[in-house]
Amino acid sequence: MLIRSGTARRETGDGVCGPFTASLLSDTGDLTQFGAFIETLPPGSASSILHWHSAEDEMVHLLTGTVTLVEGATETTMHPGDTACFKAGTAVGHCLRNDGAAEASYLVIGTRSGDDTVTYPLTGDTVTIHDGRKTYRDANGTVTKTAPYHGA
């Protein structure tokens, strides 16, 4: 299936990490084994809260702009053409932060696992994906929310 430039399903948001736009490439192409999207962050936004996955590999390839790659306590500037890889099960939280003056866009590719736990090391919160459901827990293990899960 060909997805022409500008025709992929889009997602936008303005949450706790700031505004973003994403072109959902793999979802538009009805792929189920991996997720791929192009995300754009305006200055001041971040890709997510620092997190790591128990069962999903992730890869980010910077297309335009510059971002700060945060991996645990290490911060590194990424430039167009740089790639960051995050192996499943590696307990080091990561995210991207746009500290620059211009928008930054990057391609994200990740496996889709029906059984995954996302850990947020700064808060101790987790999100567990199992049997088509997402279960959100706080640092004490108390369930705070559940929702259907259709893939990343």
C-alpha atoms as a PDB file:
ATOM      1  CA  MET A   1       0.000   0.000   0.000  1.00  0.00           C
ATOM      2  CA  LEU A   2       1.387   3.380  -1.010  1.00  0.00           C
ATOM      3  CA  ILE A   3       0.947   6.237   1.442  1.00  0.00           C
ATOM      4  CA  ARG A   4       1.553   9.520  -0.333  1.00  0.00           C
ATOM      5  CA  SER A   5       3.160  12.407   1.504  1.00  0.00           C
ATOM      6  CA  GLY A   6       0.629  14.215   3.670  1.00  0.00           C
ATOM      7  CA  THR A   7      -2.054  11.503   3.450  1.00  0.00           C
ATOM      8  CA  ALA A   8      -1.244   9.426   6.558  1.00  0.00           C
ATOM      9  CA  ARG A   9      -3.647   9.560   9.484  1.00  0.00           C
ATOM     10  CA  ARG A  10      -2.609  12.312  11.866  1.00  0.00           C
ATOM     11  CA  GLU A  11      -2.666  12.594  15.614  1.00  0.00           C
ATOM     12  CA  THR A  12      -2.192  15.817  17.527  1.00  0.00           C
ATOM     13  CA  GLY A  13      -2.014  16.526  21.195  1.00  0.00           C
ATOM     14  CA  ASP A  14      -1.178  19.071  23.831  1.00  0.00           C
ATOM     15  CA  GLY A  15      -0.566  17.063  26.972  1.00  0.00           C
ATOM     16  CA  VAL A  16       1.794  17.082  29.899  1.00  0.00           C
ATOM     17  CA  CYS A  17       4.829  17.036  27.547  1.00  0.00           C
ATOM     18  CA  GLY A  18       3.580  19.855  25.315  1.00  0.00           C
ATOM     19  CA  PRO A  19       2.116  19.913  21.816  1.00  0.00           C
ATOM     20  CA  PHE A  20       3.018  17.404  19.096  1.00  0.00           C
ATOM     21  CA  THR A  21       1.848  16.172  15.697  1.00  0.00           C
ATOM     22  CA  ALA A  22       2.302  12.631  14.426  1.00  0.00           C
ATOM     23  CA  SER A  23       1.806  11.091  10.991  1.00  0.00           C
ATOM     24  CA  LEU A  24       0.742   7.497  11.739  1.00  0.00           C
ATOM     25  CA  LEU A  25       2.408   5.619   8.900  1.00  0.00           C
ATOM     26  CA  SER A  26       2.048   2.005  10.052  1.00  0.00           C
ATOM     27  CA  ASP A  27      -1.527   2.505  11.254  1.00  0.00           C
ATOM     28  CA  THR A  28      -2.502   4.061   7.923  1.00  0.00           C
ATOM     29  CA  GLY A  29      -0.957   1.026   6.199  1.00  0.00           C
ATOM     30  CA  ASP A  30      -2.805  -1.384   8.540  1.00  0.00           C
ATOM     31  CA  LEU A  31       0.452  -2.891   9.866  1.00  0.00           C
ATOM     32  CA  THR A  32       0.251  -4.836  13.120  1.00  0.00           C
ATOM     33  CA  GLN A  33       3.743  -6.163  13.944  1.00  0.00           C
ATOM     34  CA  PHE A  34       5.527  -2.836  14.343  1.00  0.00           C
ATOM     35  CA  GLY A  35       4.617   0.807  14.718  1.00  0.00           C
ATOM     36  CA  ALA A  36       6.122   3.618  12.650  1.00  0.00           C
ATOM     37  CA  PHE A  37       5.265   7.295  12.713  1.00  0.00           C
ATOM     38  CA  ILE A  38       6.814  10.687  12.121  1.00  0.00           C
ATOM     39  CA  GLU A  39       6.436  12.963  15.112  1.00  0.00           C
ATOM     40  CA  THR A  40       7.017  16.714  15.105  1.00  0.00           C
ATOM     41  CA  LEU A  41       7.743  18.640  18.303  1.00  0.00           C
ATOM     42  CA  PRO A  42       7.630  22.420  18.493  1.00  0.00           C
ATOM     43  CA  PRO A  43      10.219  24.131  20.725  1.00  0.00           C
ATOM     44  CA  GLY A  44       9.644  23.367  24.407  1.00  0.00           C
ATOM     45  CA  SER A  45       7.867  20.032  23.873  1.00  0.00           C
ATOM     46  CA  ALA A  46       9.038  16.524  24.759  1.00  0.00           C
ATOM     47  CA  SER A  47       8.249  13.165  23.158  1.00  0.00           C
ATOM     48  CA  SER A  48       7.093  11.627  26.437  1.00  0.00           C
ATOM     49  CA  ILE A  49       7.819  11.342  30.106  1.00  0.00           C
ATOM     50  CA  LEU A  50      11.065   9.446  30.803  1.00  0.00           C
ATOM     51  CA  HIS A  51      10.149   5.756  30.311  1.00  0.00           C
ATOM     52  CA  TRP A  52      11.357   2.300  29.227  1.00  0.00           C
ATOM     53  CA  HIS A  53       9.629  -0.806  27.821  1.00  0.00           C
ATOM     54  CA  SER A  54       9.977  -4.381  29.075  1.00  0.00           C
ATOM     55  CA  ALA A  55       9.098  -6.031  25.743  1.00  0.00           C
ATOM     56  CA  GLU A  56       9.189  -3.444  22.937  1.00  0.00           C
ATOM     57  CA  ASP A  57      12.261  -2.231  21.052  1.00  0.00           C
ATOM     58  CA  GLU A  58      12.190   1.402  19.925  1.00  0.00           C
ATOM     59  CA  MET A  59      14.260   3.364  17.422  1.00  0.00           C
ATOM     60  CA  VAL A  60      14.223   7.099  16.675  1.00  0.00           C
ATOM     61  CA  HIS A  61      15.832   8.678  13.580  1.00  0.00           C
ATOM     62  CA  LEU A  62      16.049  12.489  13.573  1.00  0.00           C
ATOM     63  CA  LEU A  63      14.915  14.072  10.284  1.00  0.00           C
ATOM     64  CA  THR A  64      14.939  17.835  10.984  1.00  0.00           C
ATOM     65  CA  GLY A  65      15.887  20.185  13.810  1.00  0.00           C
ATOM     66  CA  THR A  66      17.785  19.220  16.948  1.00  0.00           C
ATOM     67  CA  VAL A  67      16.577  17.467  20.094  1.00  0.00           C
ATOM     68  CA  THR A  68      18.052  16.528  23.431  1.00  0.00           C
ATOM     69  CA  LEU A  69      18.121  12.765  23.920  1.00  0.00           C
ATOM     70  CA  VAL A  70      17.654  11.976  27.603  1.00  0.00           C
ATOM     71  CA  GLU A  71      18.797   8.477  28.663  1.00  0.00           C
ATOM     72  CA  GLY A  72      18.748   8.156  32.427  1.00  0.00           C
ATOM     73  CA  ALA A  73      21.035  10.918  33.736  1.00  0.00           C
ATOM     74  CA  THR A  74      22.757  11.433  30.344  1.00  0.00           C
ATOM     75  CA  GLU A  75      21.704  14.160  27.908  1.00  0.00           C
ATOM     76  CA  THR A  76      22.995  14.211  24.318  1.00  0.00           C
ATOM     77  CA  THR A  77      22.164  16.558  21.444  1.00  0.00           C
ATOM     78  CA  MET A  78      20.872  14.754  18.351  1.00  0.00           C
ATOM     79  CA  HIS A  79      21.232  16.248  14.865  1.00  0.00           C
ATOM     80  CA  PRO A  80      19.516  15.291  11.579  1.00  0.00           C
ATOM     81  CA  GLY A  81      20.687  11.830  10.512  1.00  0.00           C
ATOM     82  CA  ASP A  82      21.367  10.672  14.103  1.00  0.00           C
ATOM     83  CA  THR A  83      19.585   7.547  15.354  1.00  0.00           C
ATOM     84  CA  ALA A  84      18.887   6.389  18.910  1.00  0.00           C
ATOM     85  CA  CYS A  85      17.949   2.774  19.729  1.00  0.00           C
ATOM     86  CA  PHE A  86      16.286   1.517  22.903  1.00  0.00           C
ATOM     87  CA  LYS A  87      16.417  -2.235  23.511  1.00  0.00           C
ATOM     88  CA  ALA A  88      13.451  -3.875  25.216  1.00  0.00           C
ATOM     89  CA  GLY A  89      14.086  -4.708  28.852  1.00  0.00           C
ATOM     90  CA  THR A  90      16.887  -2.165  29.342  1.00  0.00           C
ATOM     91  CA  ALA A  91      15.849  -0.330  32.508  1.00  0.00           C
ATOM     92  CA  VAL A  92      17.043   3.136  31.480  1.00  0.00           C
ATOM     93  CA  GLY A  93      14.350   5.764  30.990  1.00  0.00           C
ATOM     94  CA  HIS A  94      14.471   7.742  27.755  1.00  0.00           C
ATOM     95  CA  CYS A  95      12.714  10.575  25.949  1.00  0.00           C
ATOM     96  CA  LEU A  96      13.433  13.386  23.488  1.00  0.00           C
ATOM     97  CA  ARG A  97      13.142  17.060  24.358  1.00  0.00           C
ATOM     98  CA  ASN A  98      13.084  19.940  21.882  1.00  0.00           C
ATOM     99  CA  ASP A  99      15.221  22.596  23.562  1.00  0.00           C
ATOM    100  CA  GLY A 100      15.892  24.331  20.228  1.00  0.00           C
ATOM    101  CA  ALA A 101      14.294  27.340  18.553  1.00  0.00           C
ATOM    102  CA  ALA A 102      12.777  25.393  15.614  1.00  0.00           C
ATOM    103  CA  GLU A 103      10.471  22.399  15.148  1.00  0.00           C
ATOM    104  CA  ALA A 104      12.092  18.978  15.167  1.00  0.00           C
ATOM    105  CA  SER A 105      10.778  15.900  13.318  1.00  0.00           C
ATOM    106  CA  TYR A 106      11.836  12.294  13.716  1.00  0.00           C
ATOM    107  CA  LEU A 107      10.830   8.836  12.558  1.00  0.00           C
ATOM    108  CA  VAL A 108       9.884   6.419  15.348  1.00  0.00           C
ATOM    109  CA  ILE A 109       9.840   2.657  14.750  1.00  0.00           C
ATOM    110  CA  GLY A 110       8.975   0.148  17.455  1.00  0.00           C
ATOM    111  CA  THR A 111       7.841  -3.410  17.909  1.00  0.00           C
ATOM    112  CA  ARG A 112       4.294  -4.037  19.057  1.00  0.00           C
ATOM    113  CA  SER A 113       3.965  -6.511  21.866  1.00  0.00           C
ATOM    114  CA  GLY A 114       0.717  -7.806  23.263  1.00  0.00           C
ATOM    115  CA  ASP A 115       2.469  -8.090  26.645  1.00  0.00           C
ATOM    116  CA  ASP A 116       4.550  -5.092  27.689  1.00  0.00           C
ATOM    117  CA  THR A 117       5.143  -3.009  30.776  1.00  0.00           C
ATOM    118  CA  VAL A 118       6.103   0.639  30.418  1.00  0.00           C
ATOM    119  CA  THR A 119       7.925   1.938  33.492  1.00  0.00           C
ATOM    120  CA  TYR A 120       8.232   5.633  34.368  1.00  0.00           C
ATOM    121  CA  PRO A 121      11.335   5.717  36.612  1.00  0.00           C
ATOM    122  CA  LEU A 122      10.889   9.261  37.948  1.00  0.00           C
ATOM    123  CA  THR A 123       7.455   8.488  39.407  1.00  0.00           C
ATOM    124  CA  GLY A 124       7.433   4.691  39.715  1.00  0.00           C
ATOM    125  CA  ASP A 125       4.173   4.534  37.726  1.00  0.00           C
ATOM    126  CA  THR A 126       3.646   1.724  35.185  1.00  0.00           C
ATOM    127  CA  VAL A 127       1.368   0.870  32.293  1.00  0.00           C
ATOM    128  CA  THR A 128       0.875  -2.834  31.594  1.00  0.00           C
ATOM    129  CA  ILE A 129      -0.396  -4.027  28.214  1.00  0.00           C
ATOM    130  CA  HIS A 130      -1.957  -7.496  28.290  1.00  0.00           C
ATOM    131  CA  ASP A 131      -4.870  -9.230  26.527  1.00  0.00           C
ATOM    132  CA  GLY A 132      -5.882  -6.085  24.626  1.00  0.00           C
ATOM    133  CA  ARG A 133      -6.034  -3.868  27.731  1.00  0.00           C
ATOM    134  CA  LYS A 134      -3.843  -1.151  29.211  1.00  0.00           C
ATOM    135  CA  THR A 135      -3.688  -1.026  32.999  1.00  0.00           C
ATOM    136  CA  TYR A 136      -2.265   2.080  34.642  1.00  0.00           C
ATOM    137  CA  ARG A 137      -0.769   1.748  38.131  1.00  0.00           C
ATOM    138  CA  ASP A 138       0.725   4.320  40.454  1.00  0.00           C
ATOM    139  CA  ALA A 139       4.012   3.793  42.321  1.00  0.00           C
ATOM    140  CA  ASN A 140       2.149   1.849  45.040  1.00  0.00           C
ATOM    141  CA  GLY A 141       0.755  -0.608  42.477  1.00  0.00           C
ATOM    142  CA  THR A 142      -2.792   0.760  42.785  1.00  0.00           C
ATOM    143  CA  VAL A 143      -4.758   0.587  39.510  1.00  0.00           C
ATOM    144  CA  THR A 144      -5.680   4.136  38.504  1.00  0.00           C
ATOM    145  CA  LYS A 145      -7.188   3.472  35.071  1.00  0.00           C
ATOM    146  CA  THR A 146      -7.818   0.745  32.492  1.00  0.00           C
ATOM    147  CA  ALA A 147      -8.440   1.130  28.772  1.00  0.00           C
ATOM    148  CA  PRO A 148      -8.616  -0.940  25.583  1.00  0.00           C
ATOM    149  CA  TYR A 149      -5.305  -1.284  23.733  1.00  0.00           C
ATOM    150  CA  HIS A 150      -5.163  -1.430  19.924  1.00  0.00           C
ATOM    151  CA  GLY A 151      -1.409  -1.122  19.383  1.00  0.00           C
ATOM    152  CA  ALA A 152       1.126   1.675  19.546  1.00  0.00           C
END
